[in-house]
Amino acid sequence: MVKKDIEENVLYVSQGYTPEAQYGREINLLGFHYLSADIWNTPADGSPVDNWSVDVKFKIRHTPDFAQGHLTRVDDPVYGTLFHLSSDTKIQGIASGQYATIYDNDAHLVVASGMIV
């Protein structure tokens, strides 16, 4: 599955690893959980989020390598608080319901995780 349209109740699938539809750069995360402390001083829910962002390393699913990305907090009218991850490179297999693990920018510390929506 490479995409789903909940409104129309449609799933989009592809075969193999080459279809461009299997790759993306934008990932929204719900249920974001810090594993210890919030090392970035993320704005609290309801606080202004303008200009808050941080460079991170991350992994999704079973990927062996770290990816470089940019994390921002977004107030979404449907989900409430989301974290938006923009990857510097195309990522294969972004799928709702899977999880992303967020690391500090040096990939030395696991900071948080969130469910992909």
Protein backbone atom coordinates (compact mmCIF):
# COMPACT_ATOMS: atom_id res chain seq x y z
CA MET A 1 0.00 0.00 0.00
CA VAL A 2 1.41 3.39 -0.96
CA LYS A 3 -1.52 5.66 -0.17
CA LYS A 4 -5.02 5.60 1.23
CA ASP A 5 -7.98 7.88 0.68
CA ILE A 6 -10.13 7.49 3.78
CA GLU A 7 -12.86 9.79 2.46
CA GLU A 8 -13.38 7.63 -0.65
CA ASN A 9 -12.47 4.32 1.04
CA VAL A 10 -9.73 3.59 -1.52
CA LEU A 11 -6.32 1.94 -1.03
CA TYR A 12 -3.53 2.47 -3.57
CA VAL A 13 -0.99 -0.33 -4.01
CA SER A 14 2.11 -0.81 -6.14
CA GLN A 15 4.32 -3.74 -7.05
CA GLY A 16 8.08 -3.87 -6.60
CA TYR A 17 10.49 -1.23 -5.32
CA THR A 18 10.73 1.09 -8.30
CA PRO A 19 7.36 2.88 -8.49
CA GLU A 20 7.81 6.51 -7.53
CA ALA A 21 4.57 6.37 -5.50
CA GLN A 22 6.38 4.31 -2.84
CA TYR A 23 8.62 7.22 -1.95
CA GLY A 24 7.93 10.46 -0.12
CA ARG A 25 9.57 13.21 1.88
CA GLU A 26 6.73 14.42 4.12
CA ILE A 27 5.64 12.53 7.24
CA ASN A 28 3.05 13.54 9.85
CA LEU A 29 3.34 12.05 13.32
CA LEU A 30 0.55 11.70 15.88
CA GLY A 31 0.91 10.66 19.52
CA PHE A 32 4.42 12.07 19.72
CA HIS A 33 6.14 10.74 22.85
CA TYR A 34 9.44 11.90 24.31
CA LEU A 35 11.37 8.97 25.73
CA SER A 36 13.01 11.00 28.47
CA ALA A 37 13.23 14.78 28.45
CA ASP A 38 12.22 17.23 25.74
CA ILE A 39 15.74 18.34 24.80
CA TRP A 40 14.39 20.87 22.28
CA ASN A 41 11.96 22.81 24.53
CA THR A 42 9.05 22.16 22.21
CA PRO A 43 6.21 24.68 22.60
CA ALA A 44 3.44 23.28 24.79
CA ASP A 45 0.01 22.46 23.31
CA GLY A 46 -1.86 25.69 22.73
CA SER A 47 1.34 27.77 22.63
CA PRO A 48 2.39 29.56 19.44
CA VAL A 49 4.47 27.29 17.22
CA ASP A 50 5.67 29.84 14.68
CA ASN A 51 9.31 29.36 13.76
CA TRP A 52 9.85 26.32 16.02
CA SER A 53 11.78 23.62 14.24
CA VAL A 54 14.75 21.36 14.77
CA ASP A 55 17.07 19.29 12.57
CA VAL A 56 16.91 15.58 13.43
CA LYS A 57 17.92 12.13 12.32
CA PHE A 58 15.13 9.56 12.08
CA LYS A 59 14.17 6.04 11.06
CA ILE A 60 10.85 4.58 9.99
CA ARG A 61 9.85 0.95 10.00
CA HIS A 62 12.82 -1.33 9.43
CA THR A 63 15.19 1.05 7.64
CA PRO A 64 18.81 0.31 8.55
CA ASP A 65 20.17 3.81 7.93
CA PHE A 66 19.41 7.13 9.57
CA ALA A 67 17.69 9.75 7.46
CA GLN A 68 18.20 13.49 7.90
CA GLY A 69 15.10 15.59 8.42
CA HIS A 70 13.53 18.71 9.80
CA LEU A 71 10.90 18.45 12.57
CA THR A 72 8.18 21.04 13.23
CA ARG A 73 5.11 21.09 15.46
CA VAL A 74 1.78 21.75 13.72
CA ASP A 75 -1.65 22.50 15.12
CA ASP A 76 -3.96 20.47 12.88
CA PRO A 77 -7.76 21.04 12.85
CA VAL A 78 -8.45 17.29 12.59
CA TYR A 79 -5.74 15.66 14.71
CA GLY A 80 -4.83 18.47 17.10
CA THR A 81 -1.11 18.52 17.74
CA LEU A 82 0.97 16.87 15.02
CA PHE A 83 4.67 16.79 14.40
CA HIS A 84 5.67 17.20 10.76
CA LEU A 85 8.87 15.59 9.55
CA SER A 86 10.38 16.75 6.24
CA SER A 87 13.06 14.39 4.97
CA ASP A 88 16.09 15.61 3.04
CA THR A 89 15.90 12.47 0.88
CA LYS A 90 13.09 10.33 -0.47
CA ILE A 91 11.97 7.64 1.98
CA GLN A 92 10.51 4.33 0.83
CA GLY A 93 7.45 2.81 2.48
CA ILE A 94 5.92 5.66 4.47
CA ALA A 95 2.73 4.05 5.81
CA SER A 96 0.03 5.22 8.19
CA GLY A 97 0.01 3.25 11.41
CA GLN A 98 3.76 2.62 11.35
CA TYR A 99 6.09 4.47 13.71
CA ALA A 100 8.98 6.86 13.25
CA THR A 101 11.80 7.04 15.76
CA ILE A 102 13.38 10.47 16.18
CA TYR A 103 17.02 10.93 17.20
CA ASP A 104 19.11 13.99 17.96
CA ASN A 105 20.91 15.45 14.95
CA ASP A 106 24.06 13.44 15.74
CA ALA A 107 22.07 10.17 15.95
CA HIS A 108 23.52 9.53 19.40
CA LEU A 109 20.31 9.83 21.42
CA VAL A 110 16.82 8.43 20.84
CA VAL A 111 14.56 11.39 21.66
CA ALA A 112 11.00 10.50 20.69
CA SER A 113 8.65 8.44 18.56
CA GLY A 114 5.31 8.99 16.89
CA MET A 115 2.75 7.17 14.79
CA ILE A 116 2.68 8.01 11.09
CA VAL A 117 -0.71 9.36 9.93
